[in-house]
C-alpha atoms as a PDB file:
ATOM      1  CA  GLU A   1     -12.355  35.387  10.679  1.00  0.00           C
ATOM      2  CA  PRO A   2     -10.208  32.728   9.231  1.00  0.00           C
ATOM      3  CA  ALA A   3      -7.241  34.496  10.796  1.00  0.00           C
ATOM      4  CA  ALA A   4      -8.904  34.152  14.250  1.00  0.00           C
ATOM      5  CA  LYS A   5      -9.272  30.419  13.536  1.00  0.00           C
ATOM      6  CA  LYS A   6      -5.823  30.579  12.644  1.00  0.00           C
ATOM      7  CA  ALA A   7      -4.554  32.127  15.540  1.00  0.00           C
ATOM      8  CA  LYS A   8      -6.341  29.664  17.807  1.00  0.00           C
ATOM      9  CA  VAL A   9      -5.097  26.470  15.975  1.00  0.00           C
ATOM     10  CA  ASP A  10      -1.247  27.857  16.277  1.00  0.00           C
ATOM     11  CA  SER A  11      -1.229  27.844  20.001  1.00  0.00           C
ATOM     12  CA  PRO A  12       0.990  24.735  21.098  1.00  0.00           C
ATOM     13  CA  ALA A  13      -1.953  23.589  23.516  1.00  0.00           C
ATOM     14  CA  THR A  14      -4.333  23.468  20.615  1.00  0.00           C
ATOM     15  CA  ILE A  15      -1.870  21.659  18.716  1.00  0.00           C
ATOM     16  CA  CYS A  16      -1.147  19.119  20.743  1.00  0.00           C
ATOM     17  CA  ALA A  17      -4.903  18.303  21.746  1.00  0.00           C
ATOM     18  CA  LEU A  18      -5.648  18.016  17.953  1.00  0.00           C
ATOM     19  CA  ALA A  19      -2.585  15.836  17.378  1.00  0.00           C
ATOM     20  CA  GLU A  20      -3.780  13.694  20.623  1.00  0.00           C
ATOM     21  CA  GLU A  21      -7.627  13.303  18.905  1.00  0.00           C
ATOM     22  CA  GLU A  22      -6.245  12.797  15.364  1.00  0.00           C
ATOM     23  CA  GLN A  23      -4.407   9.726  16.956  1.00  0.00           C
ATOM     24  CA  ARG A  24      -7.179   8.267  18.626  1.00  0.00           C
ATOM     25  CA  ARG A  25      -9.326   8.412  15.706  1.00  0.00           C
ATOM     26  CA  CYS A  26      -6.381   6.676  13.523  1.00  0.00           C
ATOM     27  CA  ASP A  27      -6.150   3.971  16.239  1.00  0.00           C
ATOM     28  CA  ALA A  28     -10.034   3.585  16.083  1.00  0.00           C
ATOM     29  CA  ILE A  29      -9.768   2.946  12.435  1.00  0.00           C
ATOM     30  CA  ARG A  30      -6.686   0.703  12.807  1.00  0.00           C
ATOM     31  CA  ASN A  31      -8.687  -1.552  15.614  1.00  0.00           C
ATOM     32  CA  VAL A  32     -11.987  -1.609  13.215  1.00  0.00           C
ATOM     33  CA  THR A  33      -9.894  -2.382  10.094  1.00  0.00           C
ATOM     34  CA  GLU A  34      -7.925  -5.359  11.820  1.00  0.00           C
ATOM     35  CA  THR A  35     -11.161  -6.950  12.555  1.00  0.00           C
ATOM     36  CA  SER A  36     -11.132  -9.384  10.340  1.00  0.00           C
ATOM     37  CA  LYS A  37     -14.903 -10.433  10.149  1.00  0.00           C
ATOM     38  CA  LEU A  38     -15.631  -6.706   9.325  1.00  0.00           C
ATOM     39  CA  VAL A  39     -13.142  -6.850   6.495  1.00  0.00           C
ATOM     40  CA  GLN A  40     -14.564 -10.176   5.351  1.00  0.00           C
ATOM     41  CA  ARG A  41     -18.178  -8.972   5.362  1.00  0.00           C
ATOM     42  CA  VAL A  42     -16.987  -5.652   3.209  1.00  0.00           C
ATOM     43  CA  ALA A  43     -14.932  -8.109   1.036  1.00  0.00           C
ATOM     44  CA  SER A  44     -18.250  -9.965   0.276  1.00  0.00           C
ATOM     45  CA  PHE A  45     -19.472  -6.729  -1.331  1.00  0.00           C
ATOM     46  CA  LEU A  46     -16.647  -6.226  -3.559  1.00  0.00           C
ATOM     47  CA  ASP A  47     -16.383  -7.300  -7.249  1.00  0.00           C
ATOM     48  CA  PRO A  48     -13.295  -9.774  -8.293  1.00  0.00           C
ATOM     49  CA  SER A  49     -10.962  -6.740  -9.382  1.00  0.00           C
ATOM     50  CA  SER A  50     -11.572  -5.036  -6.447  1.00  0.00           C
ATOM     51  CA  LEU A  51     -10.951  -7.964  -4.204  1.00  0.00           C
ATOM     52  CA  CYS A  52      -7.505  -8.136  -6.249  1.00  0.00           C
ATOM     53  CA  ARG A  53      -6.351  -4.898  -5.614  1.00  0.00           C
ATOM     54  CA  CYS A  54      -7.337  -5.232  -1.686  1.00  0.00           C
ATOM     55  CA  LEU A  55      -4.575  -7.530  -1.565  1.00  0.00           C
ATOM     56  CA  SER A  56      -1.971  -4.653  -2.041  1.00  0.00           C
ATOM     57  CA  VAL A  57      -3.477  -2.486   0.579  1.00  0.00           C
ATOM     58  CA  ALA A  58      -1.929  -3.840   3.850  1.00  0.00           C
ATOM     59  CA  LYS A  59       0.007  -6.766   4.935  1.00  0.00           C
ATOM     60  CA  SER A  60      -2.042  -7.551   7.667  1.00  0.00           C
ATOM     61  CA  TRP A  61      -4.952  -8.145   5.176  1.00  0.00           C
ATOM     62  CA  SER A  62      -2.793 -10.315   2.915  1.00  0.00           C
ATOM     63  CA  LYS A  63      -1.841 -12.283   5.745  1.00  0.00           C
ATOM     64  CA  GLN A  64      -5.143 -13.031   6.910  1.00  0.00           C
ATOM     65  CA  ASN A  65      -6.048 -14.405   3.516  1.00  0.00           C
ATOM     66  CA  ILE A  66      -9.509 -12.910   3.320  1.00  0.00           C
ATOM     67  CA  PHE A  67      -9.495 -11.919  -0.001  1.00  0.00           C
ATOM     68  CA  GLN A  68      -8.340 -15.111  -1.221  1.00  0.00           C
ATOM     69  CA  ASP A  69     -11.023 -17.226   0.505  1.00  0.00           C
ATOM     70  CA  GLU A  70     -12.661 -19.974  -1.478  1.00  0.00           C
ATOM     71  CA  ASP A  71     -15.965 -19.360  -0.466  1.00  0.00           C
ATOM     72  CA  LEU A  72     -15.668 -15.580  -1.265  1.00  0.00           C
ATOM     73  CA  TRP A  73     -14.405 -16.426  -4.960  1.00  0.00           C
ATOM     74  CA  LEU A  74     -16.748 -19.510  -5.605  1.00  0.00           C
ATOM     75  CA  ASN A  75     -19.860 -17.063  -5.032  1.00  0.00           C
ATOM     76  CA  HIS A  76     -18.396 -14.694  -7.428  1.00  0.00           C
ATOM     77  CA  CYS A  77     -18.078 -17.616  -9.814  1.00  0.00           C
ATOM     78  CA  ILE A  78     -21.795 -18.752  -8.991  1.00  0.00           C
ATOM     79  CA  LYS A  79     -23.048 -15.155  -9.970  1.00  0.00           C
ATOM     80  CA  ARG A  80     -20.807 -14.601 -12.863  1.00  0.00           C
ATOM     81  CA  PHE A  81     -21.172 -18.236 -14.400  1.00  0.00           C
ATOM     82  CA  GLY A  82     -24.109 -20.160 -12.817  1.00  0.00           C
ATOM     83  CA  ALA A  83     -24.103 -22.536 -10.284  1.00  0.00           C
ATOM     84  CA  THR A  84     -24.452 -25.644 -13.024  1.00  0.00           C
ATOM     85  CA  ALA A  85     -21.135 -24.087 -14.590  1.00  0.00           C
ATOM     86  CA  VAL A  86     -19.114 -24.176 -11.585  1.00  0.00           C
ATOM     87  CA  ARG A  87     -20.558 -27.437 -10.436  1.00  0.00           C
ATOM     88  CA  LYS A  88     -19.198 -28.996 -13.596  1.00  0.00           C
ATOM     89  CA  TRP A  89     -15.931 -27.261 -13.328  1.00  0.00           C
ATOM     90  CA  GLN A  90     -15.544 -28.679  -9.802  1.00  0.00           C
ATOM     91  CA  ASP A  91     -16.396 -32.260 -10.945  1.00  0.00           C
ATOM     92  CA  PHE A  92     -13.766 -31.658 -13.758  1.00  0.00           C
ATOM     93  CA  GLU A  93     -11.194 -30.761 -11.484  1.00  0.00           C
ATOM     94  CA  ASP A  94     -11.846 -33.550  -9.124  1.00  0.00           C
ATOM     95  CA  ASP A  95     -11.782 -35.961 -12.310  1.00  0.00           C
ATOM     96  CA  GLU A  96      -8.109 -34.649 -13.063  1.00  0.00           C
ATOM     97  CA  ASP A  97      -6.873 -34.612  -9.505  1.00  0.00           C
ATOM     98  CA  ASP A  98      -7.868 -38.578  -9.503  1.00  0.00           C
ATOM     99  CA  LYS A  99      -6.365 -39.089 -12.683  1.00  0.00           C
ATOM    100  CA  GLN A 100      -2.835 -37.434 -11.523  1.00  0.00           C
ATOM    101  CA  LYS A 101      -2.978 -39.516  -8.168  1.00  0.00           C
ATOM    102  CA  SER A 102      -3.632 -42.799 -10.122  1.00  0.00           C
ATOM    103  CA  ALA A 103      -1.265 -41.706 -12.781  1.00  0.00           C
ATOM    104  CA  SER A 104       1.685 -41.240 -10.566  1.00  0.00           C
ATOM    105  CA  PRO A 105       2.310 -44.578  -8.775  1.00  0.00           C
ATOM    106  CA  ASN A 106       4.416 -44.328  -5.587  1.00  0.00           C
ATOM    107  CA  LEU A 107       7.847 -44.729  -6.783  1.00  0.00           C
ATOM    108  CA  ASP A 108      10.057 -46.267  -4.065  1.00  0.00           C
ATOM    109  CA  LEU A 109      13.400 -45.956  -5.883  1.00  0.00           C
ATOM    110  CA  TYR A 110      15.819 -46.582  -2.978  1.00  0.00           C
END
C-alpha cells in the first residue's frame, strides 16, 4: 500500500498541488506570526529566559521590541520579587536619575 501512495505523490501535478498547499500554509503561518498583538499575547505567557531566546528567532520580532517591552518585564519582576520590592527599585532609580541630573550642571564651555 505505501508504494501506491508513493506513486500518487510522484506525479508532477500532485507534487505541484502539494507544493502550492504547503506554500499557502506557510503564508498563513507567516501572516499570523507577524501580527504583533498575537505575539505580544504569547510573550505574556513566557518566562524571562524564553523571552530572551525569542529575540533571536526573527528579525521582525526584534524590530518590534515585543520581547523588550517594559510592562512585560515589569510584570515578571513583580511576580518574582513582589510589588513592594519593584516599587522600591523604581523609586531608587528615580532618585539616582535626579542625583545625576543635579550633579552634572549644564556646562557651557564655549
